[in-house]
PDB file of N, CA and C in Angstrom:
ATOM      1  N   ALA A   1      -0.043 -25.112  -3.599  1.00  0.00           N
ATOM      2  CA  ALA A   1       0.823 -24.317  -4.463  1.00  0.00           C
ATOM      3  C   ALA A   1      -0.015 -23.621  -5.526  1.00  0.00           C
ATOM      4  N   ILE A   2       0.348 -22.393  -5.798  1.00  0.00           N
ATOM      5  CA  ILE A   2      -0.339 -21.614  -6.832  1.00  0.00           C
ATOM      6  C   ILE A   2       0.229 -21.997  -8.184  1.00  0.00           C
ATOM      7  N   ARG A   3      -0.652 -22.259  -9.111  1.00  0.00           N
ATOM      8  CA  ARG A   3      -0.229 -22.600 -10.459  1.00  0.00           C
ATOM      9  C   ARG A   3      -0.412 -21.379 -11.359  1.00  0.00           C
ATOM     10  N   LEU A   4       0.688 -20.890 -11.906  1.00  0.00           N
ATOM     11  CA  LEU A   4       0.644 -19.700 -12.761  1.00  0.00           C
ATOM     12  C   LEU A   4       0.304 -20.086 -14.192  1.00  0.00           C
ATOM     13  N   PRO A   5      -0.365 -19.186 -14.921  1.00  0.00           N
ATOM     14  CA  PRO A   5      -0.613 -19.445 -16.342  1.00  0.00           C
ATOM     15  C   PRO A   5       0.707 -19.615 -17.104  1.00  0.00           C
ATOM     16  N   ALA A   6       0.682 -20.434 -18.114  1.00  0.00           N
ATOM     17  CA  ALA A   6       1.881 -20.720 -18.917  1.00  0.00           C
ATOM     18  C   ALA A   6       2.499 -19.442 -19.476  1.00  0.00           C
ATOM     19  N   PHE A   7       1.679 -18.451 -19.781  1.00  0.00           N
ATOM     20  CA  PHE A   7       2.201 -17.199 -20.324  1.00  0.00           C
ATOM     21  C   PHE A   7       3.153 -16.548 -19.339  1.00  0.00           C
ATOM     22  N   TYR A   8       2.753 -16.465 -18.057  1.00  0.00           N
ATOM     23  CA  TYR A   8       3.630 -15.887 -17.028  1.00  0.00           C
ATOM     24  C   TYR A   8       4.952 -16.636 -16.955  1.00  0.00           C
ATOM     25  N   VAL A   9       4.858 -17.951 -16.944  1.00  0.00           N
ATOM     26  CA  VAL A   9       6.055 -18.786 -16.835  1.00  0.00           C
ATOM     27  C   VAL A   9       6.965 -18.566 -18.033  1.00  0.00           C
ATOM     28  N   GLY A  10       6.393 -18.524 -19.226  1.00  0.00           N
ATOM     29  CA  GLY A  10       7.190 -18.316 -20.439  1.00  0.00           C
ATOM     30  C   GLY A  10       7.900 -16.975 -20.451  1.00  0.00           C
ATOM     31  N   VAL A  11       7.184 -15.923 -20.052  1.00  0.00           N
ATOM     32  CA  VAL A  11       7.797 -14.591 -19.998  1.00  0.00           C
ATOM     33  C   VAL A  11       8.919 -14.582 -18.968  1.00  0.00           C
ATOM     34  N   TYR A  12       8.642 -15.103 -17.779  1.00  0.00           N
ATOM     35  CA  TYR A  12       9.654 -15.122 -16.721  1.00  0.00           C
ATOM     36  C   TYR A  12      10.903 -15.886 -17.168  1.00  0.00           C
ATOM     37  N   GLU A  13      10.720 -17.044 -17.753  1.00  0.00           N
ATOM     38  CA  GLU A  13      11.870 -17.846 -18.179  1.00  0.00           C
ATOM     39  C   GLU A  13      12.707 -17.120 -19.223  1.00  0.00           C
ATOM     40  N   ALA A  14      12.054 -16.434 -20.147  1.00  0.00           N
ATOM     41  CA  ALA A  14      12.799 -15.684 -21.167  1.00  0.00           C
ATOM     42  C   ALA A  14      13.553 -14.516 -20.551  1.00  0.00           C
ATOM     43  N   VAL A  15      12.879 -13.754 -19.694  1.00  0.00           N
ATOM     44  CA  VAL A  15      13.503 -12.577 -19.087  1.00  0.00           C
ATOM     45  C   VAL A  15      14.636 -12.988 -18.143  1.00  0.00           C
ATOM     46  N   ASP A  16      14.460 -14.081 -17.452  1.00  0.00           N
ATOM     47  CA  ASP A  16      15.426 -14.505 -16.441  1.00  0.00           C
ATOM     48  C   ASP A  16      16.608 -15.307 -17.004  1.00  0.00           C
ATOM     49  N   ASP A  17      16.597 -15.581 -18.284  1.00  0.00           N
ATOM     50  CA  ASP A  17      17.668 -16.361 -18.918  1.00  0.00           C
ATOM     51  C   ASP A  17      18.831 -15.438 -19.283  1.00  0.00           C
ATOM     52  N   PRO A  18      19.975 -15.546 -18.601  1.00  0.00           N
ATOM     53  CA  PRO A  18      21.096 -14.639 -18.868  1.00  0.00           C
ATOM     54  C   PRO A  18      21.634 -14.730 -20.302  1.00  0.00           C
ATOM     55  N   SER A  19      21.419 -15.859 -20.951  1.00  0.00           N
ATOM     56  CA  SER A  19      21.906 -15.984 -22.334  1.00  0.00           C
ATOM     57  C   SER A  19      21.098 -15.127 -23.304  1.00  0.00           C
ATOM     58  N   LEU A  20      19.952 -14.608 -22.862  1.00  0.00           N
ATOM     59  CA  LEU A  20      19.092 -13.770 -23.722  1.00  0.00           C
ATOM     60  C   LEU A  20      19.165 -12.291 -23.359  1.00  0.00           C
ATOM     61  N   ASN A  21      20.098 -11.904 -22.485  1.00  0.00           N
ATOM     62  CA  ASN A  21      20.161 -10.523 -22.008  1.00  0.00           C
ATOM     63  C   ASN A  21      20.320  -9.476 -23.106  1.00  0.00           C
ATOM     64  N   SER A  22      20.899  -9.832 -24.217  1.00  0.00           N
ATOM     65  CA  SER A  22      21.024  -8.854 -25.305  1.00  0.00           C
ATOM     66  C   SER A  22      19.692  -8.668 -26.038  1.00  0.00           C
ATOM     67  N   ILE A  23      18.751  -9.561 -25.791  1.00  0.00           N
ATOM     68  CA  ILE A  23      17.438  -9.516 -26.440  1.00  0.00           C
ATOM     69  C   ILE A  23      16.367  -9.014 -25.477  1.00  0.00           C
ATOM     70  N   ILE A  24      16.352  -9.589 -24.276  1.00  0.00           N
ATOM     71  CA  ILE A  24      15.351  -9.255 -23.258  1.00  0.00           C
ATOM     72  C   ILE A  24      16.001  -9.435 -21.890  1.00  0.00           C
ATOM     73  N   SER A  25      15.762  -8.488 -21.006  1.00  0.00           N
ATOM     74  CA  SER A  25      16.347  -8.607 -19.664  1.00  0.00           C
ATOM     75  C   SER A  25      15.544  -7.786 -18.671  1.00  0.00           C
ATOM     76  N   TRP A  26      15.846  -8.024 -17.396  1.00  0.00           N
ATOM     77  CA  TRP A  26      15.229  -7.237 -16.338  1.00  0.00           C
ATOM     78  C   TRP A  26      15.736  -5.809 -16.400  1.00  0.00           C
ATOM     79  N   SER A  27      14.891  -4.870 -16.010  1.00  0.00           N
ATOM     80  CA  SER A  27      15.324  -3.474 -15.871  1.00  0.00           C
ATOM     81  C   SER A  27      16.230  -3.380 -14.643  1.00  0.00           C
ATOM     82  N   THR A  28      16.825  -2.233 -14.423  1.00  0.00           N
ATOM     83  CA  THR A  28      17.719  -2.077 -13.273  1.00  0.00           C
ATOM     84  C   THR A  28      16.985  -2.239 -11.947  1.00  0.00           C
ATOM     85  N   SER A  29      15.693  -1.974 -11.915  1.00  0.00           N
ATOM     86  CA  SER A  29      14.909  -2.126 -10.684  1.00  0.00           C
ATOM     87  C   SER A  29      14.464  -3.570 -10.450  1.00  0.00           C
ATOM     88  N   ASN A  30      14.586  -4.407 -11.477  1.00  0.00           N
ATOM     89  CA  ASN A  30      14.099  -5.802 -11.444  1.00  0.00           C
ATOM     90  C   ASN A  30      12.591  -5.904 -11.255  1.00  0.00           C
ATOM     91  N   ARG A  31      11.878  -4.830 -11.529  1.00  0.00           N
ATOM     92  CA  ARG A  31      10.409  -4.837 -11.396  1.00  0.00           C
ATOM     93  C   ARG A  31       9.717  -4.839 -12.753  1.00  0.00           C
ATOM     94  N   SER A  32      10.497  -4.725 -13.805  1.00  0.00           N
ATOM     95  CA  SER A  32       9.969  -4.743 -15.166  1.00  0.00           C
ATOM     96  C   SER A  32      11.061  -5.311 -16.065  1.00  0.00           C
ATOM     97  N   PHE A  33      10.718  -5.483 -17.314  1.00  0.00           N
ATOM     98  CA  PHE A  33      11.721  -5.984 -18.249  1.00  0.00           C
ATOM     99  C   PHE A  33      11.740  -5.142 -19.511  1.00  0.00           C
ATOM    100  N   ILE A  34      12.829  -5.274 -20.249  1.00  0.00           N
ATOM    101  CA  ILE A  34      13.035  -4.497 -21.475  1.00  0.00           C
ATOM    102  C   ILE A  34      13.313  -5.466 -22.613  1.00  0.00           C
ATOM    103  N   ILE A  35      12.631  -5.266 -23.711  1.00  0.00           N
ATOM    104  CA  ILE A  35      12.935  -6.014 -24.936  1.00  0.00           C
ATOM    105  C   ILE A  35      13.885  -5.130 -25.735  1.00  0.00           C
ATOM    106  N   TRP A  36      15.146  -5.502 -25.728  1.00  0.00           N
ATOM    107  CA  TRP A  36      16.198  -4.707 -26.370  1.00  0.00           C
ATOM    108  C   TRP A  36      16.211  -4.872 -27.885  1.00  0.00           C
ATOM    109  N   ASN A  37      15.852  -6.045 -28.346  1.00  0.00           N
ATOM    110  CA  ASN A  37      15.948  -6.343 -29.767  1.00  0.00           C
ATOM    111  C   ASN A  37      14.673  -7.072 -30.207  1.00  0.00           C
ATOM    112  N   PRO A  38      13.640  -6.314 -30.608  1.00  0.00           N
ATOM    113  CA  PRO A  38      12.365  -6.935 -30.968  1.00  0.00           C
ATOM    114  C   PRO A  38      12.467  -7.969 -32.101  1.00  0.00           C
ATOM    115  N   GLU A  39      13.351  -7.738 -33.056  1.00  0.00           N
ATOM    116  CA  GLU A  39      13.476  -8.686 -34.170  1.00  0.00           C
ATOM    117  C   GLU A  39      13.998 -10.037 -33.676  1.00  0.00           C
ATOM    118  N   GLU A  40      15.041  -9.995 -32.855  1.00  0.00           N
ATOM    119  CA  GLU A  40      15.585 -11.233 -32.302  1.00  0.00           C
ATOM    120  C   GLU A  40      14.615 -11.861 -31.303  1.00  0.00           C
ATOM    121  N   PHE A  41      13.886 -11.039 -30.563  1.00  0.00           N
ATOM    122  CA  PHE A  41      12.877 -11.547 -29.644  1.00  0.00           C
ATOM    123  C   PHE A  41      11.840 -12.362 -30.418  1.00  0.00           C
ATOM    124  N   HIS A  42      11.406 -11.833 -31.528  1.00  0.00           N
ATOM    125  CA  HIS A  42      10.450 -12.550 -32.372  1.00  0.00           C
ATOM    126  C   HIS A  42      11.060 -13.828 -32.932  1.00  0.00           C
ATOM    127  N   ARG A  43      12.250 -13.715 -33.474  1.00  0.00           N
ATOM    128  CA  ARG A  43      12.876 -14.862 -34.144  1.00  0.00           C
ATOM    129  C   ARG A  43      13.275 -15.964 -33.164  1.00  0.00           C
ATOM    130  N   ARG A  44      13.912 -15.616 -32.063  1.00  0.00           N
ATOM    131  CA  ARG A  44      14.481 -16.625 -31.167  1.00  0.00           C
ATOM    132  C   ARG A  44      13.562 -17.036 -30.029  1.00  0.00           C
ATOM    133  N   ILE A  45      12.623 -16.177 -29.646  1.00  0.00           N
ATOM    134  CA  ILE A  45      11.800 -16.493 -28.479  1.00  0.00           C
ATOM    135  C   ILE A  45      10.345 -16.730 -28.860  1.00  0.00           C
ATOM    136  N   LEU A  46       9.703 -15.754 -29.468  1.00  0.00           N
ATOM    137  CA  LEU A  46       8.283 -15.903 -29.799  1.00  0.00           C
ATOM    138  C   LEU A  46       8.027 -17.051 -30.764  1.00  0.00           C
ATOM    139  N   SER A  47       8.871 -17.191 -31.749  1.00  0.00           N
ATOM    140  CA  SER A  47       8.615 -18.215 -32.767  1.00  0.00           C
ATOM    141  C   SER A  47       8.875 -19.635 -32.265  1.00  0.00           C
ATOM    142  N   THR A  48       9.515 -19.765 -31.089  1.00  0.00           N
ATOM    143  CA  THR A  48       9.830 -21.104 -30.584  1.00  0.00           C
ATOM    144  C   THR A  48       9.123 -21.456 -29.282  1.00  0.00           C
ATOM    145  N   SER A  49       8.497 -20.492 -28.613  1.00  0.00           N
ATOM    146  CA  SER A  49       7.896 -20.746 -27.300  1.00  0.00           C
ATOM    147  C   SER A  49       6.394 -20.959 -27.402  1.00  0.00           C
ATOM    148  N   VAL A  50       5.962 -22.138 -27.031  1.00  0.00           N
ATOM    149  CA  VAL A  50       4.526 -22.430 -26.995  1.00  0.00           C
ATOM    150  C   VAL A  50       3.864 -21.674 -25.851  1.00  0.00           C
ATOM    151  N   GLN A  51       4.595 -21.459 -24.754  1.00  0.00           N
ATOM    152  CA  GLN A  51       4.037 -20.801 -23.572  1.00  0.00           C
ATOM    153  C   GLN A  51       3.641 -19.355 -23.830  1.00  0.00           C
ATOM    154  N   LEU A  52       4.261 -18.711 -24.792  1.00  0.00           N
ATOM    155  CA  LEU A  52       3.965 -17.299 -25.039  1.00  0.00           C
ATOM    156  C   LEU A  52       2.790 -17.102 -25.980  1.00  0.00           C
ATOM    157  N   LEU A  53       2.103 -18.185 -26.315  1.00  0.00           N
ATOM    158  CA  LEU A  53       0.807 -18.197 -26.983  1.00  0.00           C
ATOM    159  C   LEU A  53       0.806 -17.908 -28.473  1.00  0.00           C
ATOM    160  N   SER A  54       1.695 -17.093 -28.971  1.00  0.00           N
ATOM    161  CA  SER A  54       1.648 -16.731 -30.381  1.00  0.00           C
ATOM    162  C   SER A  54       3.020 -16.273 -30.865  1.00  0.00           C
ATOM    163  N   PRO A  55       3.364 -16.600 -32.103  1.00  0.00           N
ATOM    164  CA  PRO A  55       4.628 -16.101 -32.650  1.00  0.00           C
ATOM    165  C   PRO A  55       4.545 -14.652 -33.136  1.00  0.00           C
ATOM    166  N   ASP A  56       3.386 -14.035 -32.980  1.00  0.00           N
ATOM    167  CA  ASP A  56       3.163 -12.680 -33.458  1.00  0.00           C
ATOM    168  C   ASP A  56       3.454 -11.664 -32.346  1.00  0.00           C
ATOM    169  N   TYR A  57       4.292 -10.666 -32.635  1.00  0.00           N
ATOM    170  CA  TYR A  57       4.713  -9.688 -31.630  1.00  0.00           C
ATOM    171  C   TYR A  57       3.532  -8.884 -31.097  1.00  0.00           C
ATOM    172  N   SER A  58       2.626  -8.452 -31.960  1.00  0.00           N
ATOM    173  CA  SER A  58       1.492  -7.646 -31.493  1.00  0.00           C
ATOM    174  C   SER A  58       0.558  -8.479 -30.610  1.00  0.00           C
ATOM    175  N   THR A  59       0.410  -9.767 -30.903  1.00  0.00           N
ATOM    176  CA  THR A  59      -0.393 -10.641 -30.049  1.00  0.00           C
ATOM    177  C   THR A  59       0.283 -10.826 -28.703  1.00  0.00           C
ATOM    178  N   PHE A  60       1.614 -10.941 -28.704  1.00  0.00           N
ATOM    179  CA  PHE A  60       2.354 -11.025 -27.447  1.00  0.00           C
ATOM    180  C   PHE A  60       2.097  -9.784 -26.593  1.00  0.00           C
ATOM    181  N   LEU A  61       2.168  -8.611 -27.194  1.00  0.00           N
ATOM    182  CA  LEU A  61       1.926  -7.369 -26.452  1.00  0.00           C
ATOM    183  C   LEU A  61       0.495  -7.310 -25.911  1.00  0.00           C
ATOM    184  N   SER A  62      -0.459  -7.754 -26.701  1.00  0.00           N
ATOM    185  CA  SER A  62      -1.855  -7.787 -26.238  1.00  0.00           C
ATOM    186  C   SER A  62      -2.007  -8.748 -25.061  1.00  0.00           C
ATOM    187  N   SER A  63      -1.362  -9.903 -25.152  1.00  0.00           N
ATOM    188  CA  SER A  63      -1.410 -10.874 -24.053  1.00  0.00           C
ATOM    189  C   SER A  63      -0.751 -10.299 -22.808  1.00  0.00           C
ATOM    190  N   LEU A  64       0.345  -9.604 -22.992  1.00  0.00           N
ATOM    191  CA  LEU A  64       1.054  -8.987 -21.875  1.00  0.00           C
ATOM    192  C   LEU A  64       0.149  -7.974 -21.166  1.00  0.00           C
ATOM    193  N   LYS A  65      -0.565  -7.161 -21.941  1.00  0.00           N
ATOM    194  CA  LYS A  65      -1.493  -6.186 -21.355  1.00  0.00           C
ATOM    195  C   LYS A  65      -2.635  -6.893 -20.632  1.00  0.00           C
ATOM    196  N   PHE A  66      -3.153  -7.952 -21.239  1.00  0.00           N
ATOM    197  CA  PHE A  66      -4.249  -8.699 -20.628  1.00  0.00           C
ATOM    198  C   PHE A  66      -3.809  -9.302 -19.296  1.00  0.00           C
ATOM    199  N   TYR A  67      -2.696 -10.003 -19.281  1.00  0.00           N
ATOM    200  CA  TYR A  67      -2.232 -10.644 -18.048  1.00  0.00           C
ATOM    201  C   TYR A  67      -1.798  -9.614 -17.009  1.00  0.00           C
ATOM    202  N   ALA A  68      -1.270  -8.494 -17.436  1.00  0.00           N
ATOM    203  CA  ALA A  68      -0.914  -7.423 -16.485  1.00  0.00           C
ATOM    204  C   ALA A  68      -2.181  -6.876 -15.833  1.00  0.00           C
ATOM    205  N   SER A  69      -3.253  -6.749 -16.581  1.00  0.00           N
ATOM    206  CA  SER A  69      -4.507  -6.258 -15.992  1.00  0.00           C
ATOM    207  C   SER A  69      -5.062  -7.266 -15.001  1.00  0.00           C
ATOM    208  N   LEU A  70      -4.860  -8.560 -15.234  1.00  0.00           N
ATOM    209  CA  LEU A  70      -5.295  -9.550 -14.263  1.00  0.00           C
ATOM    210  C   LEU A  70      -4.524  -9.412 -12.962  1.00  0.00           C
ATOM    211  N   LEU A  71      -3.228  -9.145 -13.060  1.00  0.00           N
ATOM    212  CA  LEU A  71      -2.425  -8.933 -11.852  1.00  0.00           C
ATOM    213  C   LEU A  71      -2.938  -7.726 -11.082  1.00  0.00           C
ATOM    214  N   TYR A  72      -3.271  -6.680 -11.810  1.00  0.00           N
ATOM    215  CA  TYR A  72      -3.776  -5.456 -11.176  1.00  0.00           C
ATOM    216  C   TYR A  72      -5.100  -5.725 -10.464  1.00  0.00           C
ATOM    217  N   LEU A  73      -5.961  -6.484 -11.103  1.00  0.00           N
ATOM    218  CA  LEU A  73      -7.272  -6.794 -10.518  1.00  0.00           C
ATOM    219  C   LEU A  73      -7.146  -7.662  -9.270  1.00  0.00           C
ATOM    220  N   GLN A  74      -6.110  -8.503  -9.213  1.00  0.00           N
ATOM    221  CA  GLN A  74      -5.941  -9.403  -8.080  1.00  0.00           C
ATOM    222  C   GLN A  74      -5.375  -8.680  -6.863  1.00  0.00           C
ATOM    223  N   ASP A  75      -4.729  -7.537  -7.039  1.00  0.00           N
ATOM    224  CA  ASP A  75      -4.146  -6.810  -5.891  1.00  0.00           C
ATOM    225  C   ASP A  75      -5.196  -6.218  -5.000  1.00  0.00           C
TER     226      ASP A  75
END
């Protein structure tokens, strides 16, 4: 079994949680996600999730870019 980095798991769990759809959800294509409410995303998700590495929004975005580039390199 492939073990994914905790960051991937944390992002997936947040995006896939229907109770958070007003904050973060899948796009209509289900190939990307949208953060609808950055303030609530920071308060309710980033500040409480150890898997997302940092409670800081800009650090989250940097991590997202870093992990996305790893996915690109693996293809």
